[in-house]
């Protein structure tokens, strides 16, 4: 898993990419993993890191609990996408960037059926 959270820098991310980090990896490190991806974690960081990550993974596909999906639409164990996370942390710049890259703002989470608009 690459580092994309609130303390990550673009230099950190680029170094991890150069070392061959698995950009599509799902959170593997605990028994109570929520199946989050680097994209989920990047919503807590800066726009610059998210931009680098999106440029690297744009158009790539991965598997989540619901089957194969675009990396941008990968869901955690509750069916929440990175766009759901970005609205929770109230970061309009990150939310806009995800939407600009094609994130589905009508995507519903599994628990409540809410979209990011709800």
PDB file of N, CA and C in Angstrom:
ATOM      1  N   UNK A   1       0.855  -1.176   0.000  1.00  0.00           N
ATOM      2  CA  UNK A   1       0.000   0.000   0.000  1.00  0.00           C
ATOM      3  C   UNK A   1       0.892   1.227   0.000  1.00  0.00           C
ATOM      4  N   UNK A   2       0.566   2.164  -0.826  1.00  0.00           N
ATOM      5  CA  UNK A   2       1.352   3.379  -0.863  1.00  0.00           C
ATOM      6  C   UNK A   2       0.828   4.384   0.143  1.00  0.00           C
ATOM      7  N   UNK A   3       1.687   5.308   0.499  1.00  0.00           N
ATOM      8  CA  UNK A   3       1.354   6.329   1.491  1.00  0.00           C
ATOM      9  C   UNK A   3       0.679   7.501   0.802  1.00  0.00           C
ATOM     10  N   UNK A   4      -0.568   7.785   1.164  1.00  0.00           N
ATOM     11  CA  UNK A   4      -1.313   8.877   0.530  1.00  0.00           C
ATOM     12  C   UNK A   4      -2.128   9.682   1.512  1.00  0.00           C
ATOM     13  N   UNK A   5      -1.875   9.551   2.777  1.00  0.00           N
ATOM     14  CA  UNK A   5      -2.718  10.204   3.774  1.00  0.00           C
ATOM     15  C   UNK A   5      -2.358  11.648   4.012  1.00  0.00           C
ATOM     16  N   UNK A   6      -2.740  12.135   5.164  1.00  0.00           N
ATOM     17  CA  UNK A   6      -2.618  13.549   5.479  1.00  0.00           C
ATOM     18  C   UNK A   6      -1.182  14.027   5.650  1.00  0.00           C
ATOM     19  N   UNK A   7      -0.232  13.124   5.816  1.00  0.00           N
ATOM     20  CA  UNK A   7       1.164  13.542   5.976  1.00  0.00           C
ATOM     21  C   UNK A   7       2.023  13.264   4.747  1.00  0.00           C
ATOM     22  N   UNK A   8       1.448  12.675   3.736  1.00  0.00           N
ATOM     23  CA  UNK A   8       2.201  12.319   2.537  1.00  0.00           C
ATOM     24  C   UNK A   8       2.484  13.551   1.685  1.00  0.00           C
ATOM     25  N   UNK A   9       3.612  13.521   1.017  1.00  0.00           N
ATOM     26  CA  UNK A   9       3.962  14.584   0.078  1.00  0.00           C
ATOM     27  C   UNK A   9       4.037  13.992  -1.323  1.00  0.00           C
ATOM     28  N   UNK A  10       4.054  14.857  -2.299  1.00  0.00           N
ATOM     29  CA  UNK A  10       4.197  14.411  -3.683  1.00  0.00           C
ATOM     30  C   UNK A  10       5.520  13.674  -3.846  1.00  0.00           C
ATOM     31  N   UNK A  11       6.566  14.144  -3.185  1.00  0.00           N
ATOM     32  CA  UNK A  11       7.861  13.461  -3.247  1.00  0.00           C
ATOM     33  C   UNK A  11       7.769  12.050  -2.688  1.00  0.00           C
ATOM     34  N   UNK A  12       7.067  11.891  -1.552  1.00  0.00           N
ATOM     35  CA  UNK A  12       6.859  10.561  -0.971  1.00  0.00           C
ATOM     36  C   UNK A  12       6.162   9.643  -1.970  1.00  0.00           C
ATOM     37  N   UNK A  13       5.103  10.150  -2.544  1.00  0.00           N
ATOM     38  CA  UNK A  13       4.309   9.359  -3.476  1.00  0.00           C
ATOM     39  C   UNK A  13       5.115   8.995  -4.712  1.00  0.00           C
ATOM     40  N   UNK A  14       5.807   9.960  -5.286  1.00  0.00           N
ATOM     41  CA  UNK A  14       6.625   9.678  -6.472  1.00  0.00           C
ATOM     42  C   UNK A  14       7.719   8.662  -6.177  1.00  0.00           C
ATOM     43  N   UNK A  15       8.326   8.748  -4.999  1.00  0.00           N
ATOM     44  CA  UNK A  15       9.365   7.784  -4.614  1.00  0.00           C
ATOM     45  C   UNK A  15       8.773   6.379  -4.526  1.00  0.00           C
ATOM     46  N   UNK A  16       7.591   6.263  -3.952  1.00  0.00           N
ATOM     47  CA  UNK A  16       6.949   4.951  -3.841  1.00  0.00           C
ATOM     48  C   UNK A  16       6.582   4.392  -5.214  1.00  0.00           C
ATOM     49  N   UNK A  17       6.124   5.258  -6.103  1.00  0.00           N
ATOM     50  CA  UNK A  17       5.790   4.839  -7.467  1.00  0.00           C
ATOM     51  C   UNK A  17       7.051   4.352  -8.180  1.00  0.00           C
ATOM     52  N   UNK A  18       8.139   5.093  -8.041  1.00  0.00           N
ATOM     53  CA  UNK A  18       9.397   4.703  -8.671  1.00  0.00           C
ATOM     54  C   UNK A  18       9.913   3.370  -8.145  1.00  0.00           C
ATOM     55  N   UNK A  19       9.619   3.062  -6.881  1.00  0.00           N
ATOM     56  CA  UNK A  19      10.044   1.793  -6.284  1.00  0.00           C
ATOM     57  C   UNK A  19       9.100   0.635  -6.628  1.00  0.00           C
ATOM     58  N   UNK A  20       8.058   0.931  -7.404  1.00  0.00           N
ATOM     59  CA  UNK A  20       7.154  -0.118  -7.860  1.00  0.00           C
ATOM     60  C   UNK A  20       6.004  -0.423  -6.926  1.00  0.00           C
ATOM     61  N   UNK A  21       5.596   0.544  -6.134  1.00  0.00           N
ATOM     62  CA  UNK A  21       4.474   0.328  -5.213  1.00  0.00           C
ATOM     63  C   UNK A  21       3.236  -0.124  -5.982  1.00  0.00           C
ATOM     64  N   UNK A  22       2.467  -1.004  -5.373  1.00  0.00           N
ATOM     65  CA  UNK A  22       1.230  -1.485  -5.977  1.00  0.00           C
ATOM     66  C   UNK A  22       0.136  -0.449  -5.756  1.00  0.00           C
ATOM     67  N   UNK A  23      -0.145   0.331  -6.793  1.00  0.00           N
ATOM     68  CA  UNK A  23      -1.118   1.415  -6.674  1.00  0.00           C
ATOM     69  C   UNK A  23      -2.546   0.909  -6.492  1.00  0.00           C
ATOM     70  N   UNK A  24      -2.786  -0.333  -6.874  1.00  0.00           N
ATOM     71  CA  UNK A  24      -4.136  -0.882  -6.804  1.00  0.00           C
ATOM     72  C   UNK A  24      -4.379  -1.707  -5.548  1.00  0.00           C
ATOM     73  N   UNK A  25      -3.397  -1.762  -4.670  1.00  0.00           N
ATOM     74  CA  UNK A  25      -3.513  -2.606  -3.469  1.00  0.00           C
ATOM     75  C   UNK A  25      -4.660  -2.151  -2.579  1.00  0.00           C
ATOM     76  N   UNK A  26      -5.223  -3.123  -1.906  1.00  0.00           N
ATOM     77  CA  UNK A  26      -6.272  -2.869  -0.916  1.00  0.00           C
ATOM     78  C   UNK A  26      -5.653  -3.019   0.459  1.00  0.00           C
ATOM     79  N   UNK A  27      -6.064  -2.196   1.369  1.00  0.00           N
ATOM     80  CA  UNK A  27      -5.574  -2.168   2.750  1.00  0.00           C
ATOM     81  C   UNK A  27      -5.431  -3.591   3.318  1.00  0.00           C
ATOM     82  N   UNK A  28      -4.200  -4.072   3.498  1.00  0.00           N
ATOM     83  CA  UNK A  28      -4.011  -5.467   3.881  1.00  0.00           C
ATOM     84  C   UNK A  28      -3.553  -5.713   5.309  1.00  0.00           C
ATOM     85  N   UNK A  29      -3.336  -4.682   6.079  1.00  0.00           N
ATOM     86  CA  UNK A  29      -2.515  -4.846   7.269  1.00  0.00           C
ATOM     87  C   UNK A  29      -3.239  -5.178   8.563  1.00  0.00           C
ATOM     88  N   UNK A  30      -4.527  -5.360   8.541  1.00  0.00           N
ATOM     89  CA  UNK A  30      -5.186  -5.706   9.803  1.00  0.00           C
ATOM     90  C   UNK A  30      -6.345  -6.657   9.560  1.00  0.00           C
ATOM     91  N   UNK A  31      -6.706  -7.379  10.582  1.00  0.00           N
ATOM     92  CA  UNK A  31      -7.829  -8.308  10.476  1.00  0.00           C
ATOM     93  C   UNK A  31      -9.152  -7.583  10.302  1.00  0.00           C
ATOM     94  N   UNK A  32      -9.212  -6.349  10.738  1.00  0.00           N
ATOM     95  CA  UNK A  32     -10.448  -5.588  10.584  1.00  0.00           C
ATOM     96  C   UNK A  32     -10.308  -4.540   9.479  1.00  0.00           C
ATOM     97  N   UNK A  33      -9.559  -4.896   8.454  1.00  0.00           N
ATOM     98  CA  UNK A  33      -9.351  -4.028   7.309  1.00  0.00           C
ATOM     99  C   UNK A  33     -10.695  -3.622   6.716  1.00  0.00           C
ATOM    100  N   UNK A  34     -10.776  -2.397   6.283  1.00  0.00           N
ATOM    101  CA  UNK A  34     -12.012  -1.899   5.676  1.00  0.00           C
ATOM    102  C   UNK A  34     -11.939  -1.937   4.153  1.00  0.00           C
ATOM    103  N   UNK A  35     -10.917  -2.604   3.613  1.00  0.00           N
ATOM    104  CA  UNK A  35     -10.760  -2.754   2.164  1.00  0.00           C
ATOM    105  C   UNK A  35     -10.620  -1.422   1.439  1.00  0.00           C
ATOM    106  N   UNK A  36      -9.963  -0.484   2.088  1.00  0.00           N
ATOM    107  CA  UNK A  36      -9.741   0.813   1.451  1.00  0.00           C
ATOM    108  C   UNK A  36      -8.519   0.761   0.548  1.00  0.00           C
ATOM    109  N   UNK A  37      -8.532   1.605  -0.467  1.00  0.00           N
ATOM    110  CA  UNK A  37      -7.409   1.713  -1.399  1.00  0.00           C
ATOM    111  C   UNK A  37      -6.630   3.000  -1.108  1.00  0.00           C
ATOM    112  N   UNK A  38      -5.545   3.163  -1.807  1.00  0.00           N
ATOM    113  CA  UNK A  38      -4.769   4.403  -1.688  1.00  0.00           C
ATOM    114  C   UNK A  38      -5.635   5.611  -2.032  1.00  0.00           C
ATOM    115  N   UNK A  39      -6.556   5.426  -2.942  1.00  0.00           N
ATOM    116  CA  UNK A  39      -7.440   6.527  -3.320  1.00  0.00           C
ATOM    117  C   UNK A  39      -8.330   6.950  -2.156  1.00  0.00           C
ATOM    118  N   UNK A  40      -8.828   5.983  -1.381  1.00  0.00           N
ATOM    119  CA  UNK A  40      -9.615   6.325  -0.194  1.00  0.00           C
ATOM    120  C   UNK A  40      -8.776   7.152   0.780  1.00  0.00           C
ATOM    121  N   UNK A  41      -7.549   6.685   1.037  1.00  0.00           N
ATOM    122  CA  UNK A  41      -6.682   7.391   1.982  1.00  0.00           C
ATOM    123  C   UNK A  41      -6.254   8.762   1.465  1.00  0.00           C
ATOM    124  N   UNK A  42      -6.127   8.897   0.162  1.00  0.00           N
ATOM    125  CA  UNK A  42      -5.647  10.160  -0.404  1.00  0.00           C
ATOM    126  C   UNK A  42      -6.622  11.307  -0.191  1.00  0.00           C
ATOM    127  N   UNK A  43      -7.871  10.999   0.114  1.00  0.00           N
ATOM    128  CA  UNK A  43      -8.842  12.078   0.338  1.00  0.00           C
ATOM    129  C   UNK A  43      -8.532  12.879   1.595  1.00  0.00           C
ATOM    130  N   UNK A  44      -7.702  12.313   2.487  1.00  0.00           N
ATOM    131  CA  UNK A  44      -7.297  13.027   3.703  1.00  0.00           C
ATOM    132  C   UNK A  44      -6.042  13.856   3.479  1.00  0.00           C
ATOM    133  N   UNK A  45      -5.459  13.760   2.298  1.00  0.00           N
ATOM    134  CA  UNK A  45      -4.216  14.462   2.005  1.00  0.00           C
ATOM    135  C   UNK A  45      -4.438  15.690   1.150  1.00  0.00           C
ATOM    136  N   UNK A  46      -3.399  16.049   0.452  1.00  0.00           N
ATOM    137  CA  UNK A  46      -3.456  17.238  -0.385  1.00  0.00           C
ATOM    138  C   UNK A  46      -3.880  16.934  -1.813  1.00  0.00           C
ATOM    139  N   UNK A  47      -4.337  17.957  -2.486  1.00  0.00           N
ATOM    140  CA  UNK A  47      -4.780  17.836  -3.870  1.00  0.00           C
ATOM    141  C   UNK A  47      -3.628  17.380  -4.762  1.00  0.00           C
ATOM    142  N   UNK A  48      -2.417  17.834  -4.469  1.00  0.00           N
ATOM    143  CA  UNK A  48      -1.277  17.505  -5.315  1.00  0.00           C
ATOM    144  C   UNK A  48      -1.009  16.001  -5.331  1.00  0.00           C
ATOM    145  N   UNK A  49      -1.054  15.348  -4.159  1.00  0.00           N
ATOM    146  CA  UNK A  49      -0.853  13.891  -4.090  1.00  0.00           C
ATOM    147  C   UNK A  49      -1.967  13.163  -4.830  1.00  0.00           C
ATOM    148  N   UNK A  50      -3.185  13.605  -4.633  1.00  0.00           N
ATOM    149  CA  UNK A  50      -4.306  12.967  -5.315  1.00  0.00           C
ATOM    150  C   UNK A  50      -4.154  13.095  -6.827  1.00  0.00           C
ATOM    151  N   UNK A  51      -3.715  14.252  -7.291  1.00  0.00           N
ATOM    152  CA  UNK A  51      -3.526  14.470  -8.730  1.00  0.00           C
ATOM    153  C   UNK A  51      -2.499  13.481  -9.294  1.00  0.00           C
ATOM    154  N   UNK A  52      -1.387  13.300  -8.585  1.00  0.00           N
ATOM    155  CA  UNK A  52      -0.361  12.345  -9.027  1.00  0.00           C
ATOM    156  C   UNK A  52      -0.951  10.941  -9.078  1.00  0.00           C
ATOM    157  N   UNK A  53      -1.645  10.548  -8.032  1.00  0.00           N
ATOM    158  CA  UNK A  53      -2.232   9.217  -7.970  1.00  0.00           C
ATOM    159  C   UNK A  53      -3.252   9.011  -9.088  1.00  0.00           C
ATOM    160  N   UNK A  54      -4.126   9.978  -9.300  1.00  0.00           N
ATOM    161  CA  UNK A  54      -5.133   9.856 -10.353  1.00  0.00           C
ATOM    162  C   UNK A  54      -4.491   9.771 -11.733  1.00  0.00           C
ATOM    163  N   UNK A  55      -3.434  10.519 -11.947  1.00  0.00           N
ATOM    164  CA  UNK A  55      -2.745  10.443 -13.235  1.00  0.00           C
ATOM    165  C   UNK A  55      -2.150   9.061 -13.469  1.00  0.00           C
ATOM    166  N   UNK A  56      -1.695   8.422 -12.399  1.00  0.00           N
ATOM    167  CA  UNK A  56      -1.093   7.092 -12.506  1.00  0.00           C
ATOM    168  C   UNK A  56      -2.132   5.992 -12.719  1.00  0.00           C
ATOM    169  N   UNK A  57      -3.295   6.114 -12.102  1.00  0.00           N
ATOM    170  CA  UNK A  57      -4.272   5.018 -12.117  1.00  0.00           C
ATOM    171  C   UNK A  57      -5.458   5.259 -13.046  1.00  0.00           C
ATOM    172  N   UNK A  58      -5.513   6.396 -13.683  1.00  0.00           N
ATOM    173  CA  UNK A  58      -6.640   6.721 -14.546  1.00  0.00           C
ATOM    174  C   UNK A  58      -6.842   5.621 -15.585  1.00  0.00           C
ATOM    175  N   UNK A  59      -8.053   5.091 -15.624  1.00  0.00           N
ATOM    176  CA  UNK A  59      -8.388   4.048 -16.582  1.00  0.00           C
ATOM    177  C   UNK A  59      -8.049   2.637 -16.139  1.00  0.00           C
ATOM    178  N   UNK A  60      -7.425   2.465 -14.975  1.00  0.00           N
ATOM    179  CA  UNK A  60      -7.091   1.127 -14.494  1.00  0.00           C
ATOM    180  C   UNK A  60      -8.286   0.503 -13.770  1.00  0.00           C
ATOM    181  N   UNK A  61      -8.305  -0.811 -13.757  1.00  0.00           N
ATOM    182  CA  UNK A  61      -9.383  -1.542 -13.095  1.00  0.00           C
ATOM    183  C   UNK A  61      -8.819  -2.381 -11.958  1.00  0.00           C
ATOM    184  N   UNK A  62      -9.655  -2.646 -10.974  1.00  0.00           N
ATOM    185  CA  UNK A  62      -9.275  -3.456  -9.825  1.00  0.00           C
ATOM    186  C   UNK A  62     -10.483  -4.280  -9.411  1.00  0.00           C
ATOM    187  N   UNK A  63     -10.300  -5.136  -8.432  1.00  0.00           N
ATOM    188  CA  UNK A  63     -11.428  -5.912  -7.898  1.00  0.00           C
ATOM    189  C   UNK A  63     -11.707  -5.455  -6.480  1.00  0.00           C
ATOM    190  N   UNK A  64     -12.972  -5.283  -6.170  1.00  0.00           N
ATOM    191  CA  UNK A  64     -13.374  -4.992  -4.805  1.00  0.00           C
ATOM    192  C   UNK A  64     -14.396  -6.051  -4.392  1.00  0.00           C
ATOM    193  N   UNK A  65     -15.069  -5.858  -3.300  1.00  0.00           N
ATOM    194  CA  UNK A  65     -16.030  -6.848  -2.816  1.00  0.00           C
ATOM    195  C   UNK A  65     -17.210  -7.061  -3.766  1.00  0.00           C
ATOM    196  N   UNK A  66     -17.381  -6.180  -4.708  1.00  0.00           N
ATOM    197  CA  UNK A  66     -18.524  -6.254  -5.617  1.00  0.00           C
ATOM    198  C   UNK A  66     -18.115  -6.606  -7.035  1.00  0.00           C
ATOM    199  N   UNK A  67     -16.872  -7.009  -7.245  1.00  0.00           N
ATOM    200  CA  UNK A  67     -16.415  -7.415  -8.571  1.00  0.00           C
ATOM    201  C   UNK A  67     -15.418  -6.442  -9.164  1.00  0.00           C
ATOM    202  N   UNK A  68     -15.204  -6.576 -10.459  1.00  0.00           N
ATOM    203  CA  UNK A  68     -14.234  -5.704 -11.122  1.00  0.00           C
ATOM    204  C   UNK A  68     -14.838  -4.323 -11.323  1.00  0.00           C
ATOM    205  N   UNK A  69     -14.012  -3.319 -11.098  1.00  0.00           N
ATOM    206  CA  UNK A  69     -14.488  -1.944 -11.196  1.00  0.00           C
ATOM    207  C   UNK A  69     -13.322  -1.042 -11.570  1.00  0.00           C
ATOM    208  N   UNK A  70     -13.634   0.161 -12.026  1.00  0.00           N
ATOM    209  CA  UNK A  70     -12.561   1.126 -12.259  1.00  0.00           C
ATOM    210  C   UNK A  70     -11.967   1.484 -10.900  1.00  0.00           C
ATOM    211  N   UNK A  71     -10.685   1.757 -10.889  1.00  0.00           N
ATOM    212  CA  UNK A  71     -10.030   2.085  -9.624  1.00  0.00           C
ATOM    213  C   UNK A  71     -10.695   3.295  -8.973  1.00  0.00           C
ATOM    214  N   UNK A  72     -11.149   4.219  -9.786  1.00  0.00           N
ATOM    215  CA  UNK A  72     -11.805   5.423  -9.277  1.00  0.00           C
ATOM    216  C   UNK A  72     -13.087   5.081  -8.509  1.00  0.00           C
ATOM    217  N   UNK A  73     -13.727   3.982  -8.858  1.00  0.00           N
ATOM    218  CA  UNK A  73     -14.985   3.583  -8.219  1.00  0.00           C
ATOM    219  C   UNK A  73     -14.816   2.431  -7.235  1.00  0.00           C
ATOM    220  N   UNK A  74     -13.583   2.058  -6.889  1.00  0.00           N
ATOM    221  CA  UNK A  74     -13.353   0.975  -5.928  1.00  0.00           C
ATOM    222  C   UNK A  74     -14.031   1.323  -4.613  1.00  0.00           C
ATOM    223  N   UNK A  75     -14.656   0.321  -4.005  1.00  0.00           N
ATOM    224  CA  UNK A  75     -15.441   0.521  -2.783  1.00  0.00           C
ATOM    225  C   UNK A  75     -14.769  -0.169  -1.599  1.00  0.00           C
ATOM    226  N   UNK A  76     -14.953   0.431  -0.427  1.00  0.00           N
ATOM    227  CA  UNK A  76     -14.487  -0.218   0.794  1.00  0.00           C
ATOM    228  C   UNK A  76     -15.517  -1.281   1.191  1.00  0.00           C
ATOM    229  N   UNK A  77     -15.361  -1.878   2.356  1.00  0.00           N
ATOM    230  CA  UNK A  77     -16.263  -2.961   2.760  1.00  0.00           C
ATOM    231  C   UNK A  77     -17.691  -2.491   2.994  1.00  0.00           C
ATOM    232  N   UNK A  78     -17.924  -1.214   3.076  1.00  0.00           N
ATOM    233  CA  UNK A  78     -19.271  -0.667   3.243  1.00  0.00           C
ATOM    234  C   UNK A  78     -19.824  -0.100   1.933  1.00  0.00           C
ATOM    235  N   UNK A  79     -19.080  -0.285   0.857  1.00  0.00           N
ATOM    236  CA  UNK A  79     -19.534   0.195  -0.440  1.00  0.00           C
ATOM    237  C   UNK A  79     -19.273   1.663  -0.687  1.00  0.00           C
ATOM    238  N   UNK A  80     -18.363   2.230   0.066  1.00  0.00           N
ATOM    239  CA  UNK A  80     -18.071   3.663  -0.073  1.00  0.00           C
ATOM    240  C   UNK A  80     -16.858   3.878  -0.968  1.00  0.00           C
ATOM    241  N   UNK A  81     -16.978   4.822  -1.866  1.00  0.00           N
ATOM    242  CA  UNK A  81     -15.884   5.170  -2.774  1.00  0.00           C
ATOM    243  C   UNK A  81     -15.037   6.304  -2.176  1.00  0.00           C
ATOM    244  N   UNK A  82     -13.953   6.607  -2.839  1.00  0.00           N
ATOM    245  CA  UNK A  82     -13.116   7.730  -2.400  1.00  0.00           C
ATOM    246  C   UNK A  82     -13.917   9.028  -2.408  1.00  0.00           C
ATOM    247  N   UNK A  83     -14.858   9.143  -3.319  1.00  0.00           N
ATOM    248  CA  UNK A  83     -15.687  10.351  -3.368  1.00  0.00           C
ATOM    249  C   UNK A  83     -16.535  10.474  -2.097  1.00  0.00           C
ATOM    250  N   UNK A  84     -17.053   9.373  -1.585  1.00  0.00           N
ATOM    251  CA  UNK A  84     -17.766   9.414  -0.307  1.00  0.00           C
ATOM    252  C   UNK A  84     -16.837   9.960   0.787  1.00  0.00           C
ATOM    253  N   UNK A  85     -15.613   9.445   0.828  1.00  0.00           N
ATOM    254  CA  UNK A  85     -14.654   9.885   1.843  1.00  0.00           C
ATOM    255  C   UNK A  85     -14.345  11.374   1.699  1.00  0.00           C
ATOM    256  N   UNK A  86     -14.180  11.848   0.475  1.00  0.00           N
ATOM    257  CA  UNK A  86     -13.811  13.258   0.278  1.00  0.00           C
ATOM    258  C   UNK A  86     -14.906  14.200   0.764  1.00  0.00           C
ATOM    259  N   UNK A  87     -16.152  13.789   0.633  1.00  0.00           N
ATOM    260  CA  UNK A  87     -17.236  14.656   1.119  1.00  0.00           C
ATOM    261  C   UNK A  87     -17.304  14.642   2.638  1.00  0.00           C
ATOM    262  N   UNK A  88     -16.949  13.500   3.256  1.00  0.00           N
ATOM    263  CA  UNK A  88     -16.949  13.432   4.723  1.00  0.00           C
ATOM    264  C   UNK A  88     -15.899  14.327   5.342  1.00  0.00           C
ATOM    265  N   UNK A  89     -14.737  14.432   4.696  1.00  0.00           N
ATOM    266  CA  UNK A  89     -13.689  15.289   5.251  1.00  0.00           C
ATOM    267  C   UNK A  89     -13.855  16.734   4.784  1.00  0.00           C
ATOM    268  N   UNK A  90     -14.933  16.977   4.050  1.00  0.00           N
ATOM    269  CA  UNK A  90     -15.285  18.334   3.597  1.00  0.00           C
ATOM    270  C   UNK A  90     -14.130  19.026   2.891  1.00  0.00           C
ATOM    271  N   UNK A  91     -13.590  18.345   1.897  1.00  0.00           N
ATOM    272  CA  UNK A  91     -12.518  18.932   1.113  1.00  0.00           C
ATOM    273  C   UNK A  91     -13.027  19.159  -0.313  1.00  0.00           C
ATOM    274  N   UNK A  92     -13.578  20.344  -0.581  1.00  0.00           N
ATOM    275  CA  UNK A  92     -14.188  20.588  -1.893  1.00  0.00           C
ATOM    276  C   UNK A  92     -13.200  20.496  -3.060  1.00  0.00           C
ATOM    277  N   UNK A  93     -11.930  20.820  -2.839  1.00  0.00           N
ATOM    278  CA  UNK A  93     -10.963  20.722  -3.930  1.00  0.00           C
ATOM    279  C   UNK A  93     -10.724  19.263  -4.332  1.00  0.00           C
ATOM    280  N   UNK A  94     -10.629  18.391  -3.348  1.00  0.00           N
ATOM    281  CA  UNK A  94     -10.438  16.969  -3.637  1.00  0.00           C
ATOM    282  C   UNK A  94     -11.713  16.383  -4.239  1.00  0.00           C
ATOM    283  N   UNK A  95     -12.858  16.772  -3.710  1.00  0.00           N
ATOM    284  CA  UNK A  95     -14.130  16.299  -4.268  1.00  0.00           C
ATOM    285  C   UNK A  95     -14.252  16.715  -5.726  1.00  0.00           C
ATOM    286  N   UNK A  96     -13.940  17.953  -6.032  1.00  0.00           N
ATOM    287  CA  UNK A  96     -14.010  18.441  -7.420  1.00  0.00           C
ATOM    288  C   UNK A  96     -13.046  17.682  -8.314  1.00  0.00           C
ATOM    289  N   UNK A  97     -11.831  17.447  -7.840  1.00  0.00           N
ATOM    290  CA  UNK A  97     -10.841  16.725  -8.643  1.00  0.00           C
ATOM    291  C   UNK A  97     -11.327  15.309  -8.950  1.00  0.00           C
ATOM    292  N   UNK A  98     -11.883  14.620  -7.963  1.00  0.00           N
ATOM    293  CA  UNK A  98     -12.410  13.274  -8.199  1.00  0.00           C
ATOM    294  C   UNK A  98     -13.540  13.301  -9.230  1.00  0.00           C
ATOM    295  N   UNK A  99     -14.427  14.274  -9.119  1.00  0.00           N
ATOM    296  CA  UNK A  99     -15.526  14.387 -10.081  1.00  0.00           C
ATOM    297  C   UNK A  99     -14.990  14.732 -11.464  1.00  0.00           C
ATOM    298  N   UNK A 100     -13.999  15.624 -11.527  1.00  0.00           N
ATOM    299  CA  UNK A 100     -13.389  15.971 -12.815  1.00  0.00           C
ATOM    300  C   UNK A 100     -12.772  14.749 -13.490  1.00  0.00           C
ATOM    301  N   UNK A 101     -12.260  13.805 -12.699  1.00  0.00           N
ATOM    302  CA  UNK A 101     -11.683  12.584 -13.244  1.00  0.00           C
ATOM    303  C   UNK A 101     -12.748  11.528 -13.542  1.00  0.00           C
ATOM    304  N   UNK A 102     -13.998  11.817 -13.221  1.00  0.00           N
ATOM    305  CA  UNK A 102     -15.085  10.928 -13.590  1.00  0.00           C
ATOM    306  C   UNK A 102     -15.726  10.142 -12.464  1.00  0.00           C
ATOM    307  N   UNK A 103     -15.432  10.479 -11.207  1.00  0.00           N
ATOM    308  CA  UNK A 103     -16.062   9.773 -10.088  1.00  0.00           C
ATOM    309  C   UNK A 103     -17.577   9.954 -10.153  1.00  0.00           C
ATOM    310  N   UNK A 104     -18.297   8.902  -9.855  1.00  0.00           N
ATOM    311  CA  UNK A 104     -19.753   8.893  -9.936  1.00  0.00           C
ATOM    312  C   UNK A 104     -20.363   9.463  -8.664  1.00  0.00           C
ATOM    313  N   UNK A 105     -20.901  10.678  -8.753  1.00  0.00           N
ATOM    314  CA  UNK A 105     -21.472  11.304  -7.552  1.00  0.00           C
ATOM    315  C   UNK A 105     -22.855  10.757  -7.218  1.00  0.00           C
ATOM    316  N   UNK A 106     -23.371   9.841  -8.030  1.00  0.00           N
ATOM    317  CA  UNK A 106     -24.639   9.186  -7.719  1.00  0.00           C
ATOM    318  C   UNK A 106     -24.438   7.783  -7.145  1.00  0.00           C
ATOM    319  N   UNK A 107     -23.174   7.393  -6.978  1.00  0.00           N
ATOM    320  CA  UNK A 107     -22.849   6.090  -6.410  1.00  0.00           C
ATOM    321  C   UNK A 107     -23.372   6.000  -4.981  1.00  0.00           C
ATOM    322  N   UNK A 108     -24.039   4.892  -4.665  1.00  0.00           N
ATOM    323  CA  UNK A 108     -24.641   4.714  -3.347  1.00  0.00           C
ATOM    324  C   UNK A 108     -23.797   3.781  -2.489  1.00  0.00           C
ATOM    325  N   UNK A 109     -23.709   4.091  -1.182  1.00  0.00           N
ATOM    326  CA  UNK A 109     -23.037   3.137  -0.295  1.00  0.00           C
ATOM    327  C   UNK A 109     -24.009   2.000   0.023  1.00  0.00           C
ATOM    328  N   UNK A 110     -23.454   0.888   0.475  1.00  0.00           N
ATOM    329  CA  UNK A 110     -24.247  -0.319   0.697  1.00  0.00           C
ATOM    330  C   UNK A 110     -25.115  -0.232   1.939  1.00  0.00           C
ATOM    331  N   UNK A 111     -24.608   0.392   2.986  1.00  0.00           N
ATOM    332  CA  UNK A 111     -25.339   0.415   4.254  1.00  0.00           C
ATOM    333  C   UNK A 111     -26.609   1.264   4.215  1.00  0.00           C
ATOM    334  N   UNK A 112     -26.475   2.469   3.704  1.00  0.00           N
ATOM    335  CA  UNK A 112     -27.609   3.399   3.777  1.00  0.00           C
ATOM    336  C   UNK A 112     -28.268   3.661   2.428  1.00  0.00           C
ATOM    337  N   UNK A 113     -27.541   3.364   1.343  1.00  0.00           N
ATOM    338  CA  UNK A 113     -28.056   3.702   0.032  1.00  0.00           C
ATOM    339  C   UNK A 113     -27.864   5.163  -0.324  1.00  0.00           C
ATOM    340  N   UNK A 114     -27.167   5.908   0.535  1.00  0.00           N
ATOM    341  CA  UNK A 114     -26.940   7.334   0.281  1.00  0.00           C
ATOM    342  C   UNK A 114     -25.877   7.551  -0.780  1.00  0.00           C
ATOM    343  N   UNK A 115     -26.081   8.596  -1.548  1.00  0.00           N
ATOM    344  CA  UNK A 115     -25.044   9.058  -2.468  1.00  0.00           C
ATOM    345  C   UNK A 115     -24.225  10.114  -1.732  1.00  0.00           C
ATOM    346  N   UNK A 116     -23.212  10.631  -2.384  1.00  0.00           N
ATOM    347  CA  UNK A 116     -22.419  11.691  -1.741  1.00  0.00           C
ATOM    348  C   UNK A 116     -23.233  12.977  -1.633  1.00  0.00           C
ATOM    349  N   UNK A 117     -24.340  13.053  -2.331  1.00  0.00           N
ATOM    350  CA  UNK A 117     -25.192  14.241  -2.273  1.00  0.00           C
ATOM    351  C   UNK A 117     -26.120  14.225  -1.071  1.00  0.00           C
ATOM    352  N   UNK A 118     -26.270  13.051  -0.443  1.00  0.00           N
ATOM    353  CA  UNK A 118     -27.233  12.933   0.661  1.00  0.00           C
ATOM    354  C   UNK A 118     -26.633  13.355   1.980  1.00  0.00           C
TER     355      UNK A 118
END
